[in-house]
Amino acid sequence: MTVPRRITAEPGDHAEPGLPEGFARHALTLAMRGLDRATLCQRPVDMGQALSQLARSLKALGAFGPAETYLTQALRWAAMLPGIDARVDLLCELAEVSCAAAEAEQAASEDDRHAGRASRERARDHAFAAAGLAGQTTDAHWEVKVLLRVSDVLDRCGDHEDAASMQNRAISLMGLSTDGDAAMHDSAPELPAMAMAPGSTLLM
């Protein structure tokens, strides 16, 4: 596989609220060094981790486009690994980054009702791809977390019915009825609080 093209945050990109920009840019520098080291051997597991870490650093700076590019590259490396968990996790991250990009585009162009549409469509595509593979992950607890992340993205994209469907699927895996009356599996008493995706407005 070819060596990833180097993409960095542009001067106009800013750290997400609550994260000091100096810290975020230092994290980006460390992530770039990590990618340089991984590129020397190009082992799929190291390349996937390095690319995804670089993407997270770029996301923290609000550079959603470059972050999405690196996550896409990481996904290609993850396809070389056994198992499905890494691919599903990266699809979730891609969905979240694309959704964040859509929200940023919409905030920057409040008068344009079409702003962010392409990014939202990518977010939905990644979210549904992750949901489609969620049942192949290593255990039901991991599947629940994936479904809740997907649900949060779909909810933010305005797909409330699909978001609720994902929530209900997760609830069933947790051993709850859809109206919340049944008891949860004894093996995972803390799961709802731990697995609930940040910002979700469902299951409240």
N, C-alpha and C. Protein backbone atom coordinates (compact mmCIF):
# COMPACT_ATOMS: atom_id res chain seq x y z
N MET A 1 0.84 -1.19 0.00
CA MET A 1 0.00 0.00 0.00
C MET A 1 0.88 1.24 0.00
N THR A 2 0.43 2.29 -0.69
CA THR A 2 1.24 3.49 -0.80
C THR A 2 1.32 4.23 0.53
N VAL A 3 2.41 5.00 0.68
CA VAL A 3 2.59 5.80 1.88
C VAL A 3 1.56 6.92 1.90
N PRO A 4 0.90 7.18 3.03
CA PRO A 4 -0.13 8.22 3.09
C PRO A 4 0.42 9.59 2.74
N ARG A 5 -0.38 10.36 2.01
CA ARG A 5 -0.01 11.73 1.72
C ARG A 5 -0.17 12.58 2.98
N ARG A 6 0.85 13.41 3.27
CA ARG A 6 0.84 14.20 4.49
C ARG A 6 -0.13 15.37 4.36
N ILE A 7 -1.09 15.43 5.26
CA ILE A 7 -2.05 16.52 5.31
C ILE A 7 -2.05 17.07 6.73
N THR A 8 -1.97 18.36 6.88
CA THR A 8 -1.95 18.95 8.22
C THR A 8 -3.05 19.97 8.37
N ALA A 9 -3.23 20.42 9.61
CA ALA A 9 -4.23 21.44 9.86
C ALA A 9 -3.79 22.76 9.24
N GLU A 10 -4.75 23.47 8.70
CA GLU A 10 -4.46 24.78 8.13
C GLU A 10 -4.46 25.83 9.23
N PRO A 11 -3.79 26.98 8.99
CA PRO A 11 -3.75 28.02 10.03
C PRO A 11 -5.11 28.48 10.51
N GLY A 12 -6.12 28.40 9.64
CA GLY A 12 -7.45 28.86 10.03
C GLY A 12 -8.24 27.87 10.87
N ASP A 13 -7.73 26.64 11.00
CA ASP A 13 -8.43 25.64 11.80
C ASP A 13 -8.25 25.96 13.29
N HIS A 14 -9.26 25.71 14.06
CA HIS A 14 -9.21 26.02 15.49
C HIS A 14 -9.59 24.81 16.32
N ALA A 15 -9.01 24.74 17.51
CA ALA A 15 -9.30 23.63 18.40
C ALA A 15 -10.76 23.65 18.81
N GLU A 16 -11.29 22.47 19.07
CA GLU A 16 -12.67 22.37 19.53
C GLU A 16 -12.80 23.03 20.90
N PRO A 17 -14.00 23.51 21.24
CA PRO A 17 -14.20 24.16 22.53
C PRO A 17 -13.76 23.27 23.69
N GLY A 18 -13.08 23.87 24.64
CA GLY A 18 -12.65 23.13 25.83
C GLY A 18 -11.28 22.50 25.70
N LEU A 19 -10.70 22.51 24.49
CA LEU A 19 -9.39 21.91 24.29
C LEU A 19 -8.41 23.01 23.92
N PRO A 20 -7.39 23.27 24.78
CA PRO A 20 -6.42 24.33 24.47
C PRO A 20 -5.76 24.09 23.12
N GLU A 21 -5.69 25.15 22.30
CA GLU A 21 -5.16 24.98 20.96
C GLU A 21 -3.70 24.56 20.98
N GLY A 22 -2.92 25.10 21.93
CA GLY A 22 -1.51 24.72 22.01
C GLY A 22 -1.34 23.24 22.28
N PHE A 23 -2.17 22.72 23.18
CA PHE A 23 -2.12 21.29 23.49
C PHE A 23 -2.51 20.46 22.27
N ALA A 24 -3.55 20.91 21.57
CA ALA A 24 -4.03 20.18 20.39
C ALA A 24 -2.96 20.13 19.31
N ARG A 25 -2.27 21.24 19.10
CA ARG A 25 -1.23 21.27 18.06
C ARG A 25 -0.01 20.45 18.48
N HIS A 26 0.28 20.40 19.78
CA HIS A 26 1.37 19.54 20.25
C HIS A 26 1.00 18.08 20.02
N ALA A 27 -0.25 17.72 20.30
CA ALA A 27 -0.72 16.36 20.05
C ALA A 27 -0.62 16.02 18.57
N LEU A 28 -0.91 17.00 17.72
CA LEU A 28 -0.80 16.78 16.28
C LEU A 28 0.65 16.51 15.88
N THR A 29 1.58 17.27 16.46
CA THR A 29 3.00 17.06 16.15
C THR A 29 3.45 15.66 16.55
N LEU A 30 3.03 15.21 17.73
CA LEU A 30 3.38 13.86 18.19
C LEU A 30 2.77 12.80 17.28
N ALA A 31 1.53 13.03 16.86
CA ALA A 31 0.86 12.06 15.99
C ALA A 31 1.56 11.97 14.64
N MET A 32 2.03 13.09 14.13
CA MET A 32 2.75 13.08 12.85
C MET A 32 4.06 12.30 12.98
N ARG A 33 4.74 12.46 14.11
CA ARG A 33 5.96 11.68 14.34
C ARG A 33 5.64 10.20 14.42
N GLY A 34 4.52 9.88 15.07
CA GLY A 34 4.12 8.48 15.17
C GLY A 34 3.86 7.88 13.80
N LEU A 35 3.25 8.67 12.91
CA LEU A 35 3.00 8.18 11.56
C LEU A 35 4.31 7.98 10.80
N ASP A 36 5.26 8.89 11.01
CA ASP A 36 6.57 8.74 10.36
C ASP A 36 7.22 7.43 10.77
N ARG A 37 7.15 7.10 12.06
CA ARG A 37 7.75 5.85 12.55
C ARG A 37 7.02 4.64 11.97
N ALA A 38 5.69 4.70 11.96
CA ALA A 38 4.91 3.57 11.44
C ALA A 38 5.17 3.35 9.96
N THR A 39 5.40 4.42 9.23
CA THR A 39 5.60 4.32 7.78
C THR A 39 6.87 3.56 7.44
N LEU A 40 7.85 3.55 8.35
CA LEU A 40 9.12 2.86 8.08
C LEU A 40 8.90 1.37 7.85
N CYS A 41 8.01 0.76 8.64
CA CYS A 41 7.77 -0.69 8.51
C CYS A 41 6.46 -1.00 7.79
N GLN A 42 5.51 -0.06 7.86
CA GLN A 42 4.21 -0.22 7.22
C GLN A 42 3.50 -1.51 7.62
N ARG A 43 3.50 -1.81 8.92
CA ARG A 43 2.69 -2.91 9.43
C ARG A 43 1.25 -2.41 9.56
N PRO A 44 0.29 -3.18 9.07
CA PRO A 44 -1.10 -2.71 9.07
C PRO A 44 -1.59 -2.23 10.43
N VAL A 45 -1.28 -2.95 11.50
CA VAL A 45 -1.78 -2.54 12.81
C VAL A 45 -1.19 -1.21 13.23
N ASP A 46 0.13 -1.02 12.99
CA ASP A 46 0.78 0.24 13.37
C ASP A 46 0.31 1.40 12.49
N MET A 47 0.15 1.14 11.19
CA MET A 47 -0.31 2.18 10.29
C MET A 47 -1.74 2.61 10.63
N GLY A 48 -2.59 1.65 10.93
CA GLY A 48 -3.96 1.98 11.28
C GLY A 48 -4.03 2.82 12.54
N GLN A 49 -3.24 2.45 13.55
CA GLN A 49 -3.25 3.20 14.80
C GLN A 49 -2.68 4.60 14.61
N ALA A 50 -1.57 4.71 13.85
CA ALA A 50 -0.93 6.00 13.65
C ALA A 50 -1.83 6.94 12.85
N LEU A 51 -2.45 6.43 11.81
CA LEU A 51 -3.33 7.25 10.98
C LEU A 51 -4.57 7.70 11.76
N SER A 52 -5.14 6.81 12.54
CA SER A 52 -6.34 7.17 13.31
C SER A 52 -5.99 8.18 14.40
N GLN A 53 -4.80 8.06 15.01
CA GLN A 53 -4.39 9.02 16.03
C GLN A 53 -4.17 10.39 15.41
N LEU A 54 -3.57 10.41 14.23
CA LEU A 54 -3.39 11.68 13.53
C LEU A 54 -4.74 12.30 13.18
N ALA A 55 -5.67 11.47 12.76
CA ALA A 55 -7.01 11.96 12.44
C ALA A 55 -7.69 12.56 13.68
N ARG A 56 -7.54 11.91 14.82
CA ARG A 56 -8.15 12.44 16.05
C ARG A 56 -7.54 13.79 16.43
N SER A 57 -6.23 13.93 16.22
CA SER A 57 -5.57 15.19 16.52
C SER A 57 -6.07 16.30 15.60
N LEU A 58 -6.27 15.97 14.34
CA LEU A 58 -6.79 16.95 13.40
C LEU A 58 -8.24 17.31 13.72
N LYS A 59 -9.01 16.31 14.12
CA LYS A 59 -10.40 16.58 14.52
C LYS A 59 -10.44 17.53 15.70
N ALA A 60 -9.54 17.33 16.65
CA ALA A 60 -9.50 18.21 17.83
C ALA A 60 -9.20 19.65 17.46
N LEU A 61 -8.54 19.85 16.32
CA LEU A 61 -8.24 21.20 15.83
C LEU A 61 -9.32 21.73 14.90
N GLY A 62 -10.37 20.93 14.69
CA GLY A 62 -11.44 21.37 13.81
C GLY A 62 -11.13 21.17 12.34
N ALA A 63 -10.05 20.44 12.04
CA ALA A 63 -9.69 20.16 10.64
C ALA A 63 -10.38 18.87 10.22
N PHE A 64 -11.67 18.95 10.00
CA PHE A 64 -12.47 17.75 9.78
C PHE A 64 -12.18 17.08 8.44
N GLY A 65 -11.93 17.87 7.41
CA GLY A 65 -11.63 17.29 6.10
C GLY A 65 -10.38 16.41 6.12
N PRO A 66 -9.22 16.95 6.56
CA PRO A 66 -8.03 16.12 6.68
C PRO A 66 -8.23 14.93 7.61
N ALA A 67 -8.96 15.13 8.71
CA ALA A 67 -9.22 14.02 9.63
C ALA A 67 -9.96 12.90 8.93
N GLU A 68 -10.94 13.25 8.12
CA GLU A 68 -11.71 12.24 7.39
C GLU A 68 -10.81 11.51 6.39
N THR A 69 -9.90 12.24 5.76
CA THR A 69 -8.98 11.63 4.80
C THR A 69 -8.09 10.59 5.47
N TYR A 70 -7.54 10.94 6.62
CA TYR A 70 -6.66 10.00 7.33
C TYR A 70 -7.42 8.80 7.86
N LEU A 71 -8.64 9.01 8.32
CA LEU A 71 -9.45 7.88 8.79
C LEU A 71 -9.77 6.93 7.64
N THR A 72 -10.01 7.48 6.46
CA THR A 72 -10.26 6.64 5.29
C THR A 72 -9.04 5.80 4.97
N GLN A 73 -7.85 6.40 5.08
CA GLN A 73 -6.61 5.65 4.86
C GLN A 73 -6.44 4.57 5.93
N ALA A 74 -6.76 4.92 7.18
CA ALA A 74 -6.65 3.93 8.27
C ALA A 74 -7.59 2.76 8.03
N LEU A 75 -8.77 3.05 7.48
CA LEU A 75 -9.74 1.99 7.20
C LEU A 75 -9.19 0.99 6.19
N ARG A 76 -8.44 1.48 5.21
CA ARG A 76 -7.84 0.58 4.22
C ARG A 76 -6.83 -0.35 4.88
N TRP A 77 -6.05 0.18 5.80
CA TRP A 77 -5.08 -0.67 6.51
C TRP A 77 -5.80 -1.66 7.42
N ALA A 78 -6.87 -1.21 8.06
CA ALA A 78 -7.62 -2.08 8.98
C ALA A 78 -8.23 -3.26 8.24
N ALA A 79 -8.52 -3.09 6.95
CA ALA A 79 -9.09 -4.18 6.17
C ALA A 79 -8.11 -5.34 6.02
N MET A 80 -6.83 -5.09 6.26
CA MET A 80 -5.82 -6.14 6.18
C MET A 80 -5.71 -6.95 7.47
N LEU A 81 -6.35 -6.49 8.52
CA LEU A 81 -6.25 -7.15 9.82
C LEU A 81 -7.34 -8.20 9.99
N PRO A 82 -7.08 -9.24 10.79
CA PRO A 82 -8.14 -10.22 11.08
C PRO A 82 -9.20 -9.60 11.98
N GLY A 83 -10.40 -10.09 11.89
CA GLY A 83 -11.48 -9.55 12.70
C GLY A 83 -12.07 -8.29 12.10
N ILE A 84 -13.14 -7.82 12.71
CA ILE A 84 -13.91 -6.71 12.16
C ILE A 84 -13.93 -5.50 13.07
N ASP A 85 -13.49 -5.64 14.33
CA ASP A 85 -13.66 -4.57 15.31
C ASP A 85 -13.01 -3.26 14.90
N ALA A 86 -11.76 -3.33 14.41
CA ALA A 86 -11.04 -2.10 14.04
C ALA A 86 -11.77 -1.37 12.92
N ARG A 87 -12.27 -2.12 11.94
CA ARG A 87 -12.98 -1.49 10.83
C ARG A 87 -14.26 -0.82 11.31
N VAL A 88 -14.99 -1.49 12.18
CA VAL A 88 -16.24 -0.92 12.68
C VAL A 88 -15.97 0.35 13.48
N ASP A 89 -14.93 0.32 14.32
CA ASP A 89 -14.57 1.49 15.12
C ASP A 89 -14.22 2.67 14.22
N LEU A 90 -13.46 2.41 13.16
CA LEU A 90 -13.08 3.48 12.24
C LEU A 90 -14.28 4.01 11.47
N LEU A 91 -15.21 3.15 11.11
CA LEU A 91 -16.43 3.61 10.46
C LEU A 91 -17.23 4.53 11.38
N CYS A 92 -17.27 4.19 12.66
CA CYS A 92 -17.94 5.06 13.64
C CYS A 92 -17.24 6.41 13.71
N GLU A 93 -15.91 6.38 13.76
CA GLU A 93 -15.16 7.64 13.81
C GLU A 93 -15.36 8.46 12.55
N LEU A 94 -15.39 7.81 11.40
CA LEU A 94 -15.65 8.51 10.15
C LEU A 94 -17.03 9.16 10.17
N ALA A 95 -18.01 8.44 10.66
CA ALA A 95 -19.37 8.99 10.76
C ALA A 95 -19.39 10.21 11.67
N GLU A 96 -18.69 10.13 12.80
CA GLU A 96 -18.67 11.24 13.75
C GLU A 96 -17.95 12.46 13.18
N VAL A 97 -16.84 12.22 12.48
CA VAL A 97 -16.09 13.33 11.89
C VAL A 97 -16.90 14.00 10.78
N SER A 98 -17.52 13.20 9.92
CA SER A 98 -18.33 13.75 8.84
C SER A 98 -19.51 14.54 9.39
N CYS A 99 -20.09 14.04 10.46
CA CYS A 99 -21.21 14.74 11.10
C CYS A 99 -20.74 16.06 11.69
N ALA A 100 -19.58 16.06 12.34
CA ALA A 100 -19.02 17.30 12.89
C ALA A 100 -18.73 18.30 11.77
N ALA A 101 -18.24 17.80 10.63
CA ALA A 101 -17.97 18.67 9.49
C ALA A 101 -19.27 19.30 8.99
N ALA A 102 -20.32 18.50 8.92
CA ALA A 102 -21.62 19.02 8.47
C ALA A 102 -22.13 20.11 9.41
N GLU A 103 -21.99 19.88 10.70
CA GLU A 103 -22.44 20.87 11.68
C GLU A 103 -21.63 22.16 11.56
N ALA A 104 -20.32 22.03 11.35
CA ALA A 104 -19.48 23.22 11.19
C ALA A 104 -19.84 23.99 9.93
N GLU A 105 -20.09 23.27 8.84
CA GLU A 105 -20.46 23.91 7.57
C GLU A 105 -21.80 24.61 7.70
N GLN A 106 -22.72 23.98 8.41
CA GLN A 106 -24.04 24.59 8.59
C GLN A 106 -23.95 25.83 9.46
N ALA A 107 -23.13 25.78 10.50
CA ALA A 107 -22.97 26.93 11.39
C ALA A 107 -22.33 28.10 10.66
N ALA A 108 -21.44 27.80 9.70
CA ALA A 108 -20.75 28.85 8.96
C ALA A 108 -21.61 29.44 7.86
N SER A 109 -22.67 28.73 7.47
CA SER A 109 -23.55 29.22 6.39
C SER A 109 -25.00 29.03 6.81
N GLU A 110 -25.40 29.78 7.81
CA GLU A 110 -26.73 29.61 8.39
C GLU A 110 -27.85 29.88 7.38
N ASP A 111 -27.58 30.74 6.40
CA ASP A 111 -28.62 31.09 5.43
C ASP A 111 -28.74 30.08 4.30
N ASP A 112 -27.80 29.14 4.22
CA ASP A 112 -27.82 28.14 3.15
C ASP A 112 -28.36 26.83 3.72
N ARG A 113 -29.58 26.49 3.37
CA ARG A 113 -30.18 25.27 3.94
C ARG A 113 -29.54 24.00 3.41
N HIS A 114 -28.75 24.13 2.33
CA HIS A 114 -28.06 22.97 1.77
C HIS A 114 -26.66 22.78 2.35
N ALA A 115 -26.23 23.71 3.18
CA ALA A 115 -24.88 23.64 3.74
C ALA A 115 -24.70 22.35 4.56
N GLY A 116 -23.61 21.67 4.30
CA GLY A 116 -23.30 20.45 5.05
C GLY A 116 -23.99 19.21 4.55
N ARG A 117 -24.77 19.32 3.47
CA ARG A 117 -25.56 18.18 3.01
C ARG A 117 -24.66 17.00 2.62
N ALA A 118 -23.59 17.27 1.85
CA ALA A 118 -22.70 16.18 1.40
C ALA A 118 -22.03 15.50 2.59
N SER A 119 -21.62 16.30 3.57
CA SER A 119 -20.98 15.73 4.76
C SER A 119 -21.97 14.89 5.56
N ARG A 120 -23.21 15.36 5.65
CA ARG A 120 -24.23 14.57 6.36
C ARG A 120 -24.48 13.25 5.65
N GLU A 121 -24.51 13.28 4.32
CA GLU A 121 -24.72 12.03 3.58
C GLU A 121 -23.58 11.05 3.83
N ARG A 122 -22.36 11.56 3.88
CA ARG A 122 -21.22 10.68 4.18
C ARG A 122 -21.35 10.13 5.59
N ALA A 123 -21.75 10.98 6.52
CA ALA A 123 -21.92 10.53 7.91
C ALA A 123 -22.95 9.40 7.98
N ARG A 124 -24.06 9.57 7.28
CA ARG A 124 -25.09 8.53 7.28
C ARG A 124 -24.55 7.23 6.67
N ASP A 125 -23.84 7.36 5.54
CA ASP A 125 -23.29 6.17 4.88
C ASP A 125 -22.36 5.41 5.81
N HIS A 126 -21.46 6.13 6.47
CA HIS A 126 -20.52 5.49 7.39
C HIS A 126 -21.26 4.86 8.58
N ALA A 127 -22.27 5.57 9.06
CA ALA A 127 -23.03 5.08 10.22
C ALA A 127 -23.75 3.78 9.89
N PHE A 128 -24.42 3.74 8.74
CA PHE A 128 -25.14 2.53 8.37
C PHE A 128 -24.17 1.39 8.05
N ALA A 129 -23.00 1.72 7.50
CA ALA A 129 -21.99 0.68 7.25
C ALA A 129 -21.52 0.07 8.58
N ALA A 130 -21.31 0.92 9.58
CA ALA A 130 -20.90 0.42 10.90
C ALA A 130 -21.99 -0.43 11.52
N ALA A 131 -23.23 0.03 11.41
CA ALA A 131 -24.35 -0.74 11.97
C ALA A 131 -24.50 -2.09 11.29
N GLY A 132 -24.24 -2.12 9.98
CA GLY A 132 -24.36 -3.37 9.24
C GLY A 132 -23.33 -4.40 9.66
N LEU A 133 -22.17 -3.93 10.13
CA LEU A 133 -21.11 -4.85 10.55
C LEU A 133 -21.10 -5.08 12.06
N ALA A 134 -21.92 -4.33 12.79
CA ALA A 134 -21.87 -4.38 14.26
C ALA A 134 -22.10 -5.79 14.81
N GLY A 135 -22.96 -6.56 14.16
CA GLY A 135 -23.25 -7.91 14.63
C GLY A 135 -22.10 -8.87 14.49
N GLN A 136 -21.05 -8.48 13.74
CA GLN A 136 -19.89 -9.35 13.56
C GLN A 136 -18.76 -9.01 14.53
N THR A 137 -18.97 -8.04 15.43
CA THR A 137 -17.94 -7.68 16.39
C THR A 137 -17.81 -8.77 17.45
N THR A 138 -16.80 -8.62 18.30
CA THR A 138 -16.40 -9.72 19.19
C THR A 138 -17.44 -10.09 20.25
N ASP A 139 -18.22 -9.14 20.72
CA ASP A 139 -19.21 -9.47 21.73
C ASP A 139 -20.37 -8.49 21.69
N ALA A 140 -21.43 -8.83 22.40
CA ALA A 140 -22.65 -8.02 22.37
C ALA A 140 -22.43 -6.65 23.00
N HIS A 141 -21.57 -6.57 24.02
CA HIS A 141 -21.31 -5.28 24.67
C HIS A 141 -20.70 -4.30 23.67
N TRP A 142 -19.76 -4.77 22.88
CA TRP A 142 -19.14 -3.93 21.86
C TRP A 142 -20.17 -3.54 20.80
N GLU A 143 -21.03 -4.47 20.44
CA GLU A 143 -22.08 -4.18 19.46
C GLU A 143 -23.00 -3.09 19.97
N VAL A 144 -23.34 -3.13 21.25
CA VAL A 144 -24.20 -2.11 21.85
C VAL A 144 -23.55 -0.73 21.72
N LYS A 145 -22.28 -0.65 22.05
CA LYS A 145 -21.59 0.65 21.98
C LYS A 145 -21.57 1.18 20.56
N VAL A 146 -21.35 0.29 19.61
CA VAL A 146 -21.35 0.70 18.20
C VAL A 146 -22.73 1.25 17.82
N LEU A 147 -23.77 0.55 18.18
CA LEU A 147 -25.13 0.97 17.82
C LEU A 147 -25.50 2.30 18.45
N LEU A 148 -25.02 2.54 19.67
CA LEU A 148 -25.32 3.81 20.32
C LEU A 148 -24.54 4.96 19.68
N ARG A 149 -23.32 4.69 19.25
CA ARG A 149 -22.56 5.72 18.52
C ARG A 149 -23.25 6.04 17.19
N VAL A 150 -23.67 5.00 16.50
CA VAL A 150 -24.38 5.18 15.24
C VAL A 150 -25.67 5.96 15.46
N SER A 151 -26.40 5.60 16.50
CA SER A 151 -27.65 6.28 16.81
C SER A 151 -27.43 7.76 17.06
N ASP A 152 -26.36 8.10 17.77
CA ASP A 152 -26.07 9.50 18.07
C ASP A 152 -25.80 10.28 16.79
N VAL A 153 -25.01 9.69 15.87
CA VAL A 153 -24.72 10.35 14.60
C VAL A 153 -26.00 10.58 13.80
N LEU A 154 -26.81 9.54 13.70
CA LEU A 154 -28.05 9.66 12.93
C LEU A 154 -28.99 10.69 13.54
N ASP A 155 -29.04 10.74 14.85
CA ASP A 155 -29.87 11.73 15.54
C ASP A 155 -29.39 13.14 15.20
N ARG A 156 -28.08 13.35 15.24
CA ARG A 156 -27.51 14.67 14.92
C ARG A 156 -27.74 15.04 13.45
N CYS A 157 -27.81 14.03 12.58
CA CYS A 157 -28.06 14.26 11.15
C CYS A 157 -29.54 14.48 10.85
N GLY A 158 -30.39 14.34 11.86
CA GLY A 158 -31.82 14.54 11.66
C GLY A 158 -32.60 13.29 11.33
N ASP A 159 -31.92 12.14 11.30
CA ASP A 159 -32.60 10.87 11.01
C ASP A 159 -33.10 10.25 12.32
N HIS A 160 -34.11 10.86 12.90
CA HIS A 160 -34.54 10.48 14.24
C HIS A 160 -35.15 9.08 14.29
N GLU A 161 -35.89 8.70 13.25
CA GLU A 161 -36.50 7.37 13.25
C GLU A 161 -35.43 6.28 13.18
N ASP A 162 -34.44 6.46 12.29
CA ASP A 162 -33.35 5.48 12.20
C ASP A 162 -32.53 5.47 13.49
N ALA A 163 -32.34 6.64 14.10
CA ALA A 163 -31.61 6.72 15.37
C ALA A 163 -32.35 5.93 16.45
N ALA A 164 -33.66 6.08 16.50
CA ALA A 164 -34.46 5.36 17.49
C ALA A 164 -34.41 3.85 17.24
N SER A 165 -34.40 3.46 15.96
CA SER A 165 -34.30 2.04 15.62
C SER A 165 -32.99 1.44 16.12
N MET A 166 -31.90 2.18 15.97
CA MET A 166 -30.60 1.71 16.46
C MET A 166 -30.61 1.61 17.98
N GLN A 167 -31.25 2.59 18.63
CA GLN A 167 -31.35 2.56 20.09
C GLN A 167 -32.13 1.33 20.54
N ASN A 168 -33.23 1.04 19.87
CA ASN A 168 -34.03 -0.12 20.24
C ASN A 168 -33.27 -1.43 20.04
N ARG A 169 -32.49 -1.47 18.97
CA ARG A 169 -31.66 -2.65 18.73
C ARG A 169 -30.63 -2.83 19.85
N ALA A 170 -30.06 -1.71 20.29
CA ALA A 170 -29.10 -1.77 21.40
C ALA A 170 -29.79 -2.18 22.70
N ILE A 171 -30.98 -1.65 22.92
CA ILE A 171 -31.74 -2.00 24.13
C ILE A 171 -32.01 -3.49 24.18
N SER A 172 -32.38 -4.07 23.05
CA SER A 172 -32.64 -5.51 23.00
C SER A 172 -31.41 -6.31 23.36
N LEU A 173 -30.25 -5.87 22.88
CA LEU A 173 -29.01 -6.56 23.20
C LEU A 173 -28.66 -6.45 24.68
N MET A 174 -29.08 -5.35 25.31
CA MET A 174 -28.80 -5.16 26.73
C MET A 174 -29.80 -5.92 27.61
N GLY A 175 -30.80 -6.53 26.98
CA GLY A 175 -31.76 -7.27 27.76
C GLY A 175 -32.90 -6.42 28.28
N LEU A 176 -33.07 -5.22 27.72
CA LEU A 176 -34.16 -4.35 28.13
C LEU A 176 -35.28 -4.44 27.10
N SER A 177 -36.50 -4.26 27.55
CA SER A 177 -37.59 -4.13 26.60
C SER A 177 -37.57 -2.71 26.05
N THR A 178 -38.23 -2.48 24.93
CA THR A 178 -38.18 -1.15 24.33
C THR A 178 -38.88 -0.09 25.16
N ASP A 179 -39.74 -0.48 26.11
CA ASP A 179 -40.38 0.52 26.96
C ASP A 179 -39.61 0.69 28.27
N GLY A 180 -38.48 -0.04 28.41
CA GLY A 180 -37.62 0.15 29.57
C GLY A 180 -38.08 -0.58 30.81
N ASP A 181 -39.10 -1.47 30.72
CA ASP A 181 -39.63 -2.12 31.91
C ASP A 181 -38.82 -3.34 32.35
N ALA A 182 -38.21 -4.03 31.40
CA ALA A 182 -37.50 -5.26 31.75
C ALA A 182 -36.16 -4.96 32.38
N ALA A 183 -35.62 -5.93 33.07
CA ALA A 183 -34.32 -5.76 33.74
C ALA A 183 -33.20 -6.04 32.77
N MET A 184 -32.07 -5.42 33.01
CA MET A 184 -30.90 -5.59 32.18
C MET A 184 -30.18 -6.87 32.56
N HIS A 185 -29.34 -7.40 31.66
CA HIS A 185 -28.54 -8.58 31.96
C HIS A 185 -27.67 -8.30 33.19
N ASP A 186 -27.55 -9.31 34.10
CA ASP A 186 -26.73 -9.13 35.28
C ASP A 186 -25.26 -8.96 34.94
N SER A 187 -24.85 -9.45 33.78
CA SER A 187 -23.44 -9.40 33.40
C SER A 187 -22.96 -8.01 33.06
N ALA A 188 -23.86 -7.06 32.83
CA ALA A 188 -23.44 -5.72 32.44
C ALA A 188 -24.31 -4.66 33.09
N PRO A 189 -24.30 -4.55 34.44
CA PRO A 189 -25.19 -3.62 35.11
C PRO A 189 -24.88 -2.17 34.83
N GLU A 190 -23.65 -1.86 34.45
CA GLU A 190 -23.27 -0.47 34.25
C GLU A 190 -23.33 -0.05 32.79
N LEU A 191 -23.77 -0.90 31.89
CA LEU A 191 -23.63 -0.67 30.46
C LEU A 191 -24.35 0.56 29.94
N PRO A 192 -25.61 0.85 30.30
CA PRO A 192 -26.27 2.00 29.70
C PRO A 192 -25.52 3.30 29.90
N ALA A 193 -25.07 3.58 31.13
CA ALA A 193 -24.36 4.83 31.38
C ALA A 193 -23.04 4.85 30.66
N MET A 194 -22.37 3.72 30.58
CA MET A 194 -21.05 3.65 29.97
C MET A 194 -21.15 3.73 28.46
N ALA A 195 -22.19 3.13 27.88
CA ALA A 195 -22.26 3.00 26.43
C ALA A 195 -23.00 4.16 25.77
N MET A 196 -23.79 4.91 26.51
CA MET A 196 -24.58 5.96 25.89
C MET A 196 -23.69 6.98 25.20
N ALA A 197 -23.93 7.22 23.93
CA ALA A 197 -23.12 8.15 23.17
C ALA A 197 -23.34 9.56 23.66
N PRO A 198 -22.27 10.37 23.79
CA PRO A 198 -22.42 11.76 24.25
C PRO A 198 -23.34 12.54 23.33
N GLY A 199 -24.22 13.34 23.92
CA GLY A 199 -25.06 14.21 23.13
C GLY A 199 -26.34 13.57 22.64
N SER A 200 -26.52 12.27 22.90
CA SER A 200 -27.72 11.63 22.40
C SER A 200 -28.94 12.17 23.12
N THR A 201 -30.00 12.41 22.37
CA THR A 201 -31.24 12.92 22.97
C THR A 201 -32.28 11.84 23.14
N LEU A 202 -31.93 10.61 22.77
CA LEU A 202 -32.88 9.51 22.87
C LEU A 202 -32.61 8.69 24.12
N LEU A 203 -33.54 7.81 24.43
CA LEU A 203 -33.44 6.94 25.59
C LEU A 203 -33.25 7.74 26.86
N MET A 204 -33.92 8.87 26.97
CA MET A 204 -33.76 9.74 28.12
C MET A 204 -35.02 9.68 28.98
